[in-house]
N, C-alpha and C. Protein backbone atom coordinates (compact mmCIF):
# COMPACT_ATOMS: atom_id res chain seq x y z
N MET A 1 0.85 -1.18 0.00
CA MET A 1 0.00 0.00 0.00
C MET A 1 0.88 1.23 0.00
N MET A 2 0.63 2.17 -0.91
CA MET A 2 1.44 3.37 -0.96
C MET A 2 0.55 4.53 -1.37
N ARG A 3 0.70 5.63 -0.64
CA ARG A 3 0.01 6.85 -0.99
C ARG A 3 1.04 7.95 -0.93
N SER A 4 1.09 8.80 -1.91
CA SER A 4 2.12 9.83 -1.90
C SER A 4 1.60 11.09 -2.54
N LEU A 5 2.25 12.19 -2.30
CA LEU A 5 1.96 13.50 -2.85
C LEU A 5 3.26 14.10 -3.28
N SER A 6 3.36 14.35 -5.36
CA SER A 6 4.47 14.93 -6.07
C SER A 6 4.13 15.98 -6.32
N SER A 7 3.25 17.37 25.30
CA SER A 7 3.80 16.66 25.67
C SER A 7 5.06 16.74 25.63
N CYS A 8 6.44 15.62 23.30
CA CYS A 8 6.90 16.23 24.56
C CYS A 8 7.79 17.41 24.27
N ILE A 9 8.33 17.48 23.14
CA ILE A 9 9.01 18.73 22.81
C ILE A 9 7.99 19.85 22.76
N LEU A 10 6.71 19.51 22.52
CA LEU A 10 5.67 20.52 22.53
C LEU A 10 5.39 21.01 23.93
N ALA A 11 5.44 20.11 24.89
CA ALA A 11 5.08 20.47 26.25
C ALA A 11 6.28 20.70 27.15
N GLY A 12 7.48 20.37 26.68
CA GLY A 12 8.68 20.64 27.45
C GLY A 12 9.05 19.54 28.42
N CYS A 13 8.61 18.31 28.16
CA CYS A 13 8.94 17.21 29.06
C CYS A 13 9.53 16.07 28.25
N ILE A 14 10.23 15.15 28.94
CA ILE A 14 10.76 13.95 28.31
C ILE A 14 10.16 12.75 29.01
N PRO A 15 9.33 11.94 28.32
CA PRO A 15 8.69 10.80 28.98
C PRO A 15 9.69 9.72 29.34
N LEU A 16 9.32 8.96 30.37
CA LEU A 16 10.19 7.87 30.83
C LEU A 16 10.04 6.68 29.91
N GLY A 17 11.07 5.82 29.90
CA GLY A 17 10.98 4.56 29.20
C GLY A 17 11.23 4.64 27.72
N VAL A 18 11.81 5.75 27.26
CA VAL A 18 12.11 5.88 25.85
C VAL A 18 13.59 6.13 25.67
N VAL A 19 14.07 5.85 24.49
CA VAL A 19 15.50 5.95 24.24
C VAL A 19 15.74 6.84 23.04
N ALA A 20 16.64 7.79 23.18
CA ALA A 20 17.02 8.65 22.05
C ALA A 20 18.43 8.31 21.63
N VAL A 21 18.64 8.15 20.35
CA VAL A 21 19.95 7.77 19.84
C VAL A 21 20.35 8.73 18.74
N PHE A 22 21.57 9.29 18.82
CA PHE A 22 22.09 10.11 17.73
C PHE A 22 23.03 9.26 16.91
N ASP A 23 22.69 9.09 15.65
CA ASP A 23 23.47 8.21 14.80
C ASP A 23 24.88 8.74 14.56
N GLY A 24 24.98 10.03 14.27
CA GLY A 24 26.28 10.58 13.90
C GLY A 24 26.79 9.99 12.60
N ALA A 25 25.90 9.40 11.83
CA ALA A 25 26.33 8.73 10.60
C ALA A 25 26.53 9.76 9.50
N ARG A 26 27.64 9.64 8.80
CA ARG A 26 27.94 10.54 7.69
C ARG A 26 28.27 9.68 6.48
N ALA A 27 27.41 9.76 5.47
CA ALA A 27 27.63 8.98 4.25
C ALA A 27 28.14 9.90 3.17
N MET A 28 29.21 9.50 2.50
CA MET A 28 29.79 10.32 1.44
C MET A 28 29.89 9.51 0.16
N ALA A 29 29.37 10.08 -0.91
CA ALA A 29 29.48 9.47 -2.23
C ALA A 29 29.33 10.56 -3.26
N ASP A 30 30.29 10.62 -4.16
CA ASP A 30 30.27 11.64 -5.20
C ASP A 30 30.10 13.03 -4.60
N GLU A 31 30.82 13.30 -3.53
CA GLU A 31 30.84 14.57 -2.84
C GLU A 31 29.50 14.92 -2.19
N ALA A 32 28.58 13.94 -2.11
CA ALA A 32 27.32 14.16 -1.43
C ALA A 32 27.39 13.55 -0.04
N TRP A 33 26.69 14.17 0.93
CA TRP A 33 26.71 13.64 2.29
C TRP A 33 25.34 13.80 2.90
N SER A 34 25.09 13.05 3.95
CA SER A 34 23.86 13.22 4.70
C SER A 34 24.15 12.94 6.16
N LEU A 35 23.36 13.53 7.04
CA LEU A 35 23.50 13.35 8.48
C LEU A 35 22.15 12.94 9.04
N SER A 36 22.15 11.94 9.93
CA SER A 36 20.88 11.43 10.46
C SER A 36 20.88 11.39 11.97
N SER A 37 19.71 11.59 12.54
CA SER A 37 19.47 11.41 13.96
C SER A 37 18.24 10.50 14.09
N THR A 38 18.34 9.50 14.96
CA THR A 38 17.27 8.50 15.10
C THR A 38 16.79 8.42 16.54
N VAL A 39 15.48 8.26 16.71
CA VAL A 39 14.86 8.08 18.02
C VAL A 39 14.10 6.75 18.00
N SER A 40 14.34 5.91 19.00
CA SER A 40 13.59 4.66 19.15
C SER A 40 12.56 4.82 20.26
N ASP A 41 11.43 4.12 20.12
CA ASP A 41 10.34 4.24 21.10
C ASP A 41 9.71 2.87 21.30
N PRO A 42 9.40 2.48 22.55
CA PRO A 42 8.86 1.13 22.79
C PRO A 42 7.50 0.91 22.15
N VAL A 43 7.22 -0.31 21.78
CA VAL A 43 5.90 -0.69 21.28
C VAL A 43 4.93 -0.75 22.46
N GLY A 44 3.72 -0.28 22.25
CA GLY A 44 2.68 -0.41 23.26
C GLY A 44 2.70 0.65 24.34
N ASP A 45 3.39 1.77 24.11
CA ASP A 45 3.49 2.80 25.15
C ASP A 45 2.64 4.03 24.84
N THR A 46 1.60 3.88 24.01
CA THR A 46 0.76 5.02 23.69
C THR A 46 0.09 5.57 24.94
N ILE A 47 -0.18 6.86 24.92
CA ILE A 47 -0.80 7.52 26.05
C ILE A 47 -2.25 7.06 26.23
N TYR A 48 -2.92 6.82 25.11
CA TYR A 48 -4.30 6.34 25.17
C TYR A 48 -4.32 4.82 25.02
N ASN A 49 -4.83 4.14 26.04
CA ASN A 49 -4.94 2.68 25.97
C ASN A 49 -5.88 2.31 24.82
N GLY A 50 -5.45 1.33 24.04
CA GLY A 50 -6.27 0.90 22.92
C GLY A 50 -6.05 1.70 21.65
N ALA A 51 -5.09 2.64 21.67
CA ALA A 51 -4.77 3.36 20.44
C ALA A 51 -4.29 2.37 19.39
N PRO A 52 -4.69 2.53 18.14
CA PRO A 52 -4.30 1.57 17.10
C PRO A 52 -2.80 1.56 16.87
N ALA A 53 -2.31 0.45 16.35
CA ALA A 53 -0.87 0.28 16.14
C ALA A 53 -0.31 1.31 15.17
N PHE A 54 -1.16 1.84 14.27
CA PHE A 54 -0.65 2.83 13.32
C PHE A 54 -0.48 4.21 13.95
N GLN A 55 -0.79 4.34 15.24
CA GLN A 55 -0.47 5.57 15.99
C GLN A 55 0.61 5.31 17.04
N ASP A 56 1.14 4.10 17.05
CA ASP A 56 2.16 3.70 18.02
C ASP A 56 3.53 3.71 17.32
N MET A 57 4.34 4.73 17.60
CA MET A 57 5.65 4.85 16.97
C MET A 57 6.63 3.84 17.54
N VAL A 58 7.50 3.35 16.68
CA VAL A 58 8.62 2.54 17.15
C VAL A 58 9.96 3.18 16.77
N LEU A 59 9.94 4.09 15.80
CA LEU A 59 11.19 4.73 15.38
C LEU A 59 10.89 6.01 14.62
N GLY A 60 11.72 7.02 14.86
CA GLY A 60 11.66 8.25 14.08
C GLY A 60 13.06 8.61 13.62
N ARG A 61 13.15 9.18 12.42
CA ARG A 61 14.48 9.55 11.92
C ARG A 61 14.39 10.87 11.15
N MET A 62 15.41 11.69 11.35
CA MET A 62 15.56 12.94 10.63
C MET A 62 16.91 12.92 9.92
N THR A 63 16.90 13.15 8.61
CA THR A 63 18.14 13.15 7.83
C THR A 63 18.26 14.46 7.08
N LYS A 64 19.39 15.12 7.24
CA LYS A 64 19.68 16.34 6.48
C LYS A 64 20.57 15.96 5.30
N THR A 65 20.14 16.34 4.10
CA THR A 65 20.88 16.01 2.90
C THR A 65 21.90 17.10 2.57
N ALA A 66 22.72 16.82 1.58
CA ALA A 66 23.75 17.78 1.17
C ALA A 66 23.14 19.09 0.72
N SER A 67 21.93 19.05 0.18
CA SER A 67 21.28 20.27 -0.31
C SER A 67 20.57 21.05 0.80
N GLY A 68 20.57 20.49 2.02
CA GLY A 68 19.90 21.16 3.13
C GLY A 68 18.47 20.76 3.35
N ASP A 69 17.95 19.84 2.50
CA ASP A 69 16.60 19.32 2.72
C ASP A 69 16.60 18.39 3.94
N PHE A 70 15.43 18.23 4.55
CA PHE A 70 15.28 17.28 5.65
C PHE A 70 14.33 16.17 5.21
N GLU A 71 14.85 14.93 5.24
CA GLU A 71 14.04 13.75 4.97
C GLU A 71 13.57 13.20 6.32
N LEU A 72 12.27 13.12 6.50
CA LEU A 72 11.68 12.75 7.78
C LEU A 72 11.01 11.39 7.66
N HIS A 73 11.29 10.52 8.61
CA HIS A 73 10.85 9.13 8.54
C HIS A 73 10.28 8.70 9.88
N MET A 74 9.21 7.91 9.83
CA MET A 74 8.61 7.35 11.04
C MET A 74 8.18 5.92 10.75
N GLU A 75 8.49 5.01 11.68
CA GLU A 75 8.03 3.63 11.59
C GLU A 75 7.05 3.37 12.72
N LEU A 76 5.99 2.65 12.41
CA LEU A 76 4.90 2.42 13.34
C LEU A 76 4.75 0.94 13.66
N ALA A 77 4.03 0.64 14.73
CA ALA A 77 3.86 -0.75 15.15
C ALA A 77 2.91 -1.51 14.24
N GLY A 78 2.12 -0.80 13.45
CA GLY A 78 1.19 -1.46 12.54
C GLY A 78 1.00 -0.66 11.27
N SER A 79 0.45 -1.29 10.25
CA SER A 79 0.26 -0.65 8.95
C SER A 79 -0.79 0.46 9.02
N VAL A 80 -0.56 1.51 8.25
CA VAL A 80 -1.53 2.59 8.14
C VAL A 80 -2.59 2.17 7.11
N PRO A 81 -3.86 2.06 7.50
CA PRO A 81 -4.89 1.63 6.54
C PRO A 81 -5.16 2.71 5.49
N ALA A 82 -5.78 2.30 4.41
CA ALA A 82 -6.19 3.27 3.40
C ALA A 82 -7.21 4.25 3.96
N ASP A 83 -8.00 3.79 4.93
CA ASP A 83 -8.93 4.64 5.65
C ASP A 83 -8.74 4.37 7.14
N PRO A 84 -7.93 5.20 7.83
CA PRO A 84 -7.67 4.94 9.25
C PRO A 84 -8.84 5.24 10.16
N GLY A 85 -9.88 5.89 9.65
CA GLY A 85 -10.98 6.29 10.51
C GLY A 85 -10.54 7.39 11.47
N MET A 86 -11.26 7.52 12.57
CA MET A 86 -10.94 8.51 13.60
C MET A 86 -10.88 7.81 14.96
N PRO A 87 -9.75 7.15 15.26
CA PRO A 87 -9.66 6.47 16.56
C PRO A 87 -9.72 7.47 17.71
N PRO A 88 -10.53 7.20 18.74
CA PRO A 88 -10.65 8.13 19.86
C PRO A 88 -9.27 8.44 20.47
N PRO A 89 -9.06 9.70 20.86
CA PRO A 89 -10.04 10.78 20.98
C PRO A 89 -10.21 11.62 19.71
N ALA A 90 -9.69 11.18 18.57
CA ALA A 90 -9.78 11.97 17.35
C ALA A 90 -11.22 12.07 16.86
N ARG A 91 -11.57 13.26 16.37
CA ARG A 91 -12.85 13.46 15.70
C ARG A 91 -12.68 14.19 14.37
N THR A 92 -11.56 14.93 14.24
CA THR A 92 -11.39 15.73 13.02
C THR A 92 -10.15 15.34 12.22
N GLU A 93 -9.02 15.12 12.91
CA GLU A 93 -7.79 14.76 12.19
C GLU A 93 -6.89 13.91 13.09
N ILE A 94 -6.03 13.09 12.44
CA ILE A 94 -4.92 12.45 13.13
C ILE A 94 -3.64 12.83 12.40
N TRP A 95 -2.55 13.00 13.18
CA TRP A 95 -1.28 13.48 12.64
C TRP A 95 -0.14 12.54 13.01
N TRP A 96 0.82 12.40 12.07
CA TRP A 96 2.13 11.82 12.33
C TRP A 96 3.12 12.99 12.18
N VAL A 97 3.88 13.30 13.23
CA VAL A 97 4.51 14.61 13.37
C VAL A 97 6.01 14.52 13.63
N TRP A 98 6.74 15.51 13.09
CA TRP A 98 8.14 15.75 13.46
C TRP A 98 8.25 17.22 13.88
N VAL A 99 8.80 17.48 15.07
CA VAL A 99 8.90 18.86 15.55
C VAL A 99 10.37 19.27 15.67
N PHE A 100 10.62 20.55 15.37
CA PHE A 100 11.97 21.13 15.40
C PHE A 100 11.99 22.23 16.46
N ASP A 101 12.80 22.06 17.50
CA ASP A 101 13.01 23.12 18.49
C ASP A 101 14.32 23.82 18.13
N LEU A 102 14.23 24.82 17.29
CA LEU A 102 15.43 25.45 16.74
C LEU A 102 16.08 26.44 17.68
N ASP A 103 15.32 26.91 18.69
CA ASP A 103 15.85 27.90 19.63
C ASP A 103 15.28 27.60 21.02
N PRO A 104 16.10 27.08 21.94
CA PRO A 104 15.58 26.69 23.25
C PRO A 104 15.13 27.87 24.10
N THR A 105 15.44 29.09 23.68
CA THR A 105 15.06 30.27 24.46
C THR A 105 13.69 30.82 24.06
N THR A 106 13.07 30.26 23.03
CA THR A 106 11.78 30.78 22.58
C THR A 106 10.72 29.69 22.59
N SER A 107 9.47 30.10 22.76
CA SER A 107 8.31 29.20 22.71
C SER A 107 7.18 29.96 22.04
N PRO A 108 7.08 29.88 20.71
CA PRO A 108 6.03 30.62 20.01
C PRO A 108 4.64 30.26 20.52
N SER A 109 3.79 31.26 20.65
CA SER A 109 2.42 31.06 21.11
C SER A 109 1.47 31.24 19.93
N GLY A 110 0.64 30.23 19.68
CA GLY A 110 -0.32 30.33 18.59
C GLY A 110 -0.37 29.07 17.76
N TYR A 111 -0.90 29.18 16.57
CA TYR A 111 -1.21 28.08 15.68
C TYR A 111 -0.06 27.05 15.59
N PRO A 112 -0.40 25.75 15.62
CA PRO A 112 -1.74 25.18 15.60
C PRO A 112 -2.38 24.99 16.96
N PHE A 113 -1.86 25.65 17.98
CA PHE A 113 -2.38 25.49 19.34
C PHE A 113 -3.08 26.77 19.78
N ARG A 114 -3.96 26.61 20.78
CA ARG A 114 -4.73 27.76 21.23
C ARG A 114 -4.58 28.01 22.72
N GLU A 115 -4.02 27.05 23.46
CA GLU A 115 -3.91 27.21 24.90
C GLU A 115 -3.00 28.39 25.24
N ALA A 116 -3.19 28.92 26.44
CA ALA A 116 -2.33 30.00 26.91
C ALA A 116 -0.91 29.47 27.07
N GLY A 117 0.04 30.33 26.78
CA GLY A 117 1.44 29.92 26.88
C GLY A 117 1.94 29.38 25.56
N GLY A 118 3.24 29.44 25.37
CA GLY A 118 3.83 29.01 24.11
C GLY A 118 4.14 27.52 24.09
N ARG A 119 4.43 27.03 22.90
CA ARG A 119 4.92 25.67 22.69
C ARG A 119 6.29 25.76 22.04
N ARG A 120 7.18 24.85 22.41
CA ARG A 120 8.59 25.00 22.07
C ARG A 120 8.94 24.95 20.59
N PRO A 121 8.34 24.09 19.78
CA PRO A 121 8.85 23.98 18.41
C PRO A 121 8.58 25.23 17.58
N GLU A 122 9.63 25.64 16.86
CA GLU A 122 9.49 26.74 15.90
C GLU A 122 9.04 26.22 14.52
N PHE A 123 9.21 24.93 14.31
CA PHE A 123 8.85 24.35 13.02
C PHE A 123 8.21 22.99 13.25
N ILE A 124 7.14 22.70 12.51
CA ILE A 124 6.43 21.43 12.62
C ILE A 124 6.17 20.90 11.21
N VAL A 125 6.43 19.63 11.00
CA VAL A 125 6.06 18.96 9.75
C VAL A 125 5.19 17.77 10.13
N TYR A 126 4.09 17.58 9.40
CA TYR A 126 3.22 16.45 9.73
C TYR A 126 2.53 15.90 8.49
N VAL A 127 2.18 14.62 8.59
CA VAL A 127 1.31 13.96 7.62
C VAL A 127 -0.02 13.75 8.34
N SER A 128 -1.12 14.11 7.69
CA SER A 128 -2.41 14.08 8.37
C SER A 128 -3.44 13.26 7.60
N TRP A 129 -4.46 12.83 8.33
CA TRP A 129 -5.66 12.21 7.78
C TRP A 129 -6.85 12.96 8.35
N ASN A 130 -7.74 13.46 7.48
CA ASN A 130 -8.88 14.26 7.94
C ASN A 130 -10.21 13.57 7.76
N GLY A 131 -10.16 12.27 7.53
CA GLY A 131 -11.39 11.51 7.34
C GLY A 131 -11.69 11.22 5.88
N SER A 132 -11.02 11.96 4.99
CA SER A 132 -11.26 11.71 3.56
C SER A 132 -9.97 11.66 2.75
N GLU A 133 -8.90 12.29 3.22
CA GLU A 133 -7.65 12.27 2.47
C GLU A 133 -6.46 12.50 3.38
N PHE A 134 -5.29 12.06 2.90
CA PHE A 134 -4.02 12.33 3.56
C PHE A 134 -3.42 13.60 2.98
N ALA A 135 -2.57 14.26 3.77
CA ALA A 135 -1.88 15.46 3.31
C ALA A 135 -0.56 15.59 4.06
N GLY A 136 0.39 16.28 3.45
CA GLY A 136 1.65 16.61 4.10
C GLY A 136 1.74 18.12 4.26
N THR A 137 2.17 18.60 5.43
CA THR A 137 2.14 20.03 5.72
C THR A 137 3.35 20.43 6.56
N ALA A 138 3.87 21.61 6.30
CA ALA A 138 4.91 22.22 7.14
C ALA A 138 4.35 23.50 7.73
N ILE A 139 4.61 23.72 9.01
CA ILE A 139 4.21 24.95 9.68
C ILE A 139 5.46 25.65 10.20
N ASP A 140 5.74 26.82 9.66
CA ASP A 140 6.82 27.67 10.16
C ASP A 140 6.21 28.60 11.20
N ARG A 141 6.49 28.33 12.49
CA ARG A 141 5.91 29.09 13.59
C ARG A 141 6.77 30.28 13.99
N ARG A 142 7.91 30.45 13.37
CA ARG A 142 8.80 31.53 13.75
C ARG A 142 8.17 32.92 13.62
N PRO A 143 7.32 33.17 12.60
CA PRO A 143 6.69 34.50 12.53
C PRO A 143 5.82 34.84 13.73
N LEU A 144 5.32 33.83 14.45
CA LEU A 144 4.51 34.08 15.64
C LEU A 144 5.28 34.88 16.69
N LEU A 145 6.60 34.74 16.70
CA LEU A 145 7.42 35.42 17.70
C LEU A 145 7.41 36.93 17.51
N THR A 146 7.05 37.40 16.33
CA THR A 146 7.00 38.85 16.06
C THR A 146 5.57 39.31 15.76
N GLY A 147 4.59 38.49 16.18
CA GLY A 147 3.21 38.88 16.02
C GLY A 147 2.63 38.67 14.64
N GLU A 148 3.33 37.94 13.79
CA GLU A 148 2.85 37.69 12.44
C GLU A 148 2.21 36.30 12.36
N GLU A 149 1.63 36.00 11.21
CA GLU A 149 0.97 34.71 11.02
C GLU A 149 1.98 33.62 10.67
N PRO A 150 1.73 32.39 11.09
CA PRO A 150 2.62 31.29 10.71
C PRO A 150 2.54 31.04 9.20
N ILE A 151 3.59 30.41 8.67
CA ILE A 151 3.62 30.08 7.25
C ILE A 151 3.30 28.60 7.10
N ILE A 152 2.22 28.29 6.39
CA ILE A 152 1.74 26.92 6.24
C ILE A 152 1.89 26.51 4.78
N THR A 153 2.63 25.42 4.54
CA THR A 153 2.98 25.03 3.18
C THR A 153 2.80 23.53 2.99
N PRO A 154 2.17 23.09 1.90
CA PRO A 154 2.11 21.64 1.61
C PRO A 154 3.51 21.10 1.34
N VAL A 155 3.76 19.85 1.76
CA VAL A 155 5.03 19.19 1.48
C VAL A 155 4.76 17.79 0.95
N GLU A 156 5.74 17.25 0.25
CA GLU A 156 5.63 15.89 -0.26
C GLU A 156 5.66 14.88 0.89
N PHE A 157 4.91 13.79 0.72
CA PHE A 157 4.89 12.75 1.74
C PHE A 157 4.67 11.41 1.07
N ASP A 158 4.88 10.35 1.86
CA ASP A 158 4.65 9.00 1.37
C ASP A 158 4.27 8.12 2.55
N ILE A 159 3.27 7.28 2.35
CA ILE A 159 2.87 6.29 3.36
C ILE A 159 2.94 4.92 2.71
N SER A 160 3.72 4.02 3.29
CA SER A 160 3.86 2.68 2.75
C SER A 160 3.89 1.68 3.90
N ASP A 161 2.79 0.95 4.07
CA ASP A 161 2.68 -0.06 5.11
C ASP A 161 2.84 0.58 6.49
N THR A 162 3.93 0.29 7.20
CA THR A 162 4.13 0.83 8.55
C THR A 162 5.00 2.09 8.55
N MET A 163 5.32 2.62 7.39
CA MET A 163 6.27 3.74 7.31
C MET A 163 5.61 4.99 6.76
N VAL A 164 5.89 6.10 7.43
CA VAL A 164 5.40 7.41 7.00
C VAL A 164 6.62 8.30 6.78
N ASP A 165 6.68 8.97 5.63
CA ASP A 165 7.82 9.82 5.29
C ASP A 165 7.33 11.17 4.78
N ALA A 166 8.14 12.19 5.00
CA ALA A 166 7.85 13.52 4.47
C ALA A 166 9.17 14.17 4.09
N LEU A 167 9.09 15.13 3.18
CA LEU A 167 10.27 15.85 2.73
C LEU A 167 10.09 17.33 3.00
N LEU A 168 11.01 17.90 3.78
CA LEU A 168 11.00 19.33 4.07
C LEU A 168 12.11 19.99 3.27
N PRO A 169 11.77 20.75 2.22
CA PRO A 169 12.82 21.39 1.41
C PRO A 169 13.56 22.47 2.19
N SER A 170 14.81 22.65 1.86
CA SER A 170 15.62 23.68 2.51
C SER A 170 15.04 25.07 2.27
N THR A 171 14.33 25.25 1.16
CA THR A 171 13.76 26.55 0.85
C THR A 171 12.68 26.96 1.85
N LEU A 172 12.09 25.99 2.56
CA LEU A 172 11.06 26.32 3.54
C LEU A 172 11.63 26.59 4.92
N ILE A 173 12.65 25.86 5.32
CA ILE A 173 13.18 26.03 6.68
C ILE A 173 14.40 26.95 6.72
N GLY A 174 15.13 27.08 5.61
CA GLY A 174 16.29 27.95 5.56
C GLY A 174 17.45 27.41 6.40
N GLU A 175 18.30 28.32 6.84
CA GLU A 175 19.43 27.93 7.67
C GLU A 175 18.95 27.51 9.06
N VAL A 176 19.55 26.46 9.59
CA VAL A 176 19.21 26.00 10.94
C VAL A 176 20.45 26.04 11.82
N PRO A 177 20.28 26.08 13.14
CA PRO A 177 21.44 26.10 14.03
C PRO A 177 22.31 24.85 13.86
N ALA A 178 23.55 24.95 14.30
CA ALA A 178 24.46 23.80 14.22
C ALA A 178 23.94 22.64 15.05
N SER A 179 23.18 22.91 16.09
CA SER A 179 22.64 21.87 16.95
C SER A 179 21.25 22.29 17.40
N PHE A 180 20.29 21.36 17.37
CA PHE A 180 18.94 21.66 17.85
C PHE A 180 18.25 20.36 18.25
N GLU A 181 17.18 20.50 19.05
CA GLU A 181 16.40 19.34 19.47
C GLU A 181 15.26 19.09 18.50
N TRP A 182 14.91 17.82 18.35
CA TRP A 182 13.78 17.46 17.52
C TRP A 182 13.13 16.22 18.12
N GLY A 183 11.94 15.90 17.67
CA GLY A 183 11.28 14.69 18.14
C GLY A 183 10.09 14.31 17.29
N PRO A 184 9.79 13.01 17.20
CA PRO A 184 8.60 12.54 16.50
C PRO A 184 7.46 12.26 17.48
N LEU A 185 6.23 12.36 17.01
CA LEU A 185 5.08 12.05 17.85
C LEU A 185 3.86 11.80 16.98
N THR A 186 2.83 11.20 17.58
CA THR A 186 1.54 11.09 16.92
C THR A 186 0.53 11.87 17.73
N PHE A 187 -0.48 12.38 17.04
CA PHE A 187 -1.31 13.42 17.61
C PHE A 187 -2.73 13.25 17.09
N SER A 188 -3.72 13.59 17.90
CA SER A 188 -5.12 13.54 17.48
C SER A 188 -5.80 14.88 17.77
N TRP A 189 -6.73 15.21 16.91
CA TRP A 189 -7.55 16.42 17.11
C TRP A 189 -9.00 16.00 17.33
N SER A 190 -9.55 16.41 18.48
CA SER A 190 -10.97 16.19 18.73
C SER A 190 -11.78 17.41 18.30
N GLY A 191 -11.10 18.53 18.11
CA GLY A 191 -11.73 19.74 17.59
C GLY A 191 -11.01 20.17 16.33
N PRO A 192 -11.38 21.29 15.76
CA PRO A 192 -10.70 21.77 14.55
C PRO A 192 -9.23 22.05 14.83
N VAL A 193 -8.40 21.90 13.81
CA VAL A 193 -6.99 22.26 13.96
C VAL A 193 -6.91 23.73 14.32
N GLY A 194 -6.13 24.04 15.35
CA GLY A 194 -6.05 25.40 15.85
C GLY A 194 -6.92 25.63 17.07
N SER A 195 -7.66 24.60 17.50
CA SER A 195 -8.50 24.71 18.69
C SER A 195 -7.77 24.12 19.90
N GLU A 196 -8.48 24.06 21.02
CA GLU A 196 -7.91 23.46 22.22
C GLU A 196 -8.07 21.93 22.22
N GLY A 197 -8.71 21.39 21.19
CA GLY A 197 -8.97 19.96 21.15
C GLY A 197 -7.83 19.17 20.55
N ASN A 198 -6.64 19.24 21.18
CA ASN A 198 -5.48 18.49 20.68
C ASN A 198 -5.00 17.52 21.74
N HIS A 199 -4.55 16.34 21.28
CA HIS A 199 -4.21 15.27 22.22
C HIS A 199 -2.97 14.52 21.74
N PHE A 200 -1.97 14.40 22.60
CA PHE A 200 -0.84 13.53 22.31
C PHE A 200 -1.30 12.08 22.35
N VAL A 201 -0.84 11.26 21.40
CA VAL A 201 -1.13 9.82 21.42
C VAL A 201 0.12 9.03 21.75
N ASP A 202 1.24 9.33 21.08
CA ASP A 202 2.52 8.68 21.40
C ASP A 202 3.62 9.71 21.20
N VAL A 203 4.48 9.85 22.20
CA VAL A 203 5.53 10.86 22.18
C VAL A 203 6.86 10.20 22.49
N ALA A 204 7.84 10.38 21.63
CA ALA A 204 9.17 9.82 21.85
C ALA A 204 10.06 10.83 22.57
N ALA A 205 11.18 10.36 23.05
CA ALA A 205 12.15 11.25 23.68
C ALA A 205 12.74 12.20 22.66
N LEU A 206 13.25 13.31 23.15
CA LEU A 206 13.90 14.26 22.28
C LEU A 206 15.27 13.73 21.86
N ALA A 207 15.70 14.15 20.69
CA ALA A 207 17.05 13.83 20.22
C ALA A 207 17.75 15.13 19.85
N ILE A 208 19.06 15.11 19.86
CA ILE A 208 19.84 16.26 19.45
C ILE A 208 20.33 16.04 18.03
N PHE A 209 19.97 16.95 17.14
CA PHE A 209 20.55 16.91 15.79
C PHE A 209 21.76 17.82 15.83
N ASN A 210 22.93 17.22 15.63
CA ASN A 210 24.18 17.96 15.80
C ASN A 210 25.18 17.51 14.75
N PRO A 211 25.15 18.14 13.57
CA PRO A 211 26.09 17.77 12.52
C PRO A 211 27.54 17.94 12.95
């Protein structure tokens, strides 16, 4: 099956029982290189008991290519169905997410969240299901820090069996710090995106991306 388009970094905590691993792997061929950071997460540790296996992460990976693009990868405990439905507490959307905390001194307040207080990631990439179709999206939250609107852009994605992938072009994120925190998670919306109806389903430990 393939479909494609051509808590805790959010809450500032690190859950127990998870392992973060920095690969430090550097592959060179024909003057091209890539750098990867990988996070492993136990099977069956979802926050909501009975959450389907396709919301239970077992691995997340972020790879920066020679061109500055970010290839984002997530492996799940079970296959993503062609129609995942809306497993509780979801009513409007379910997300497979990668978050970038590019500046530990800032916490932008606003979209896609509505609660008082900021959330740490300055950049979010996710693949979503809204009950009728899948989509890939990037949210640049950095403009929120100066009172402007976030930048929301479609991105390429792919879902194949237990694997979800997305591509974040360098043109969208620009230059990033030499070192920053990131993390994968799965998420459900019981209300519209941008409302207070957001729920963590599975959250992995943070990893340091440090080329």
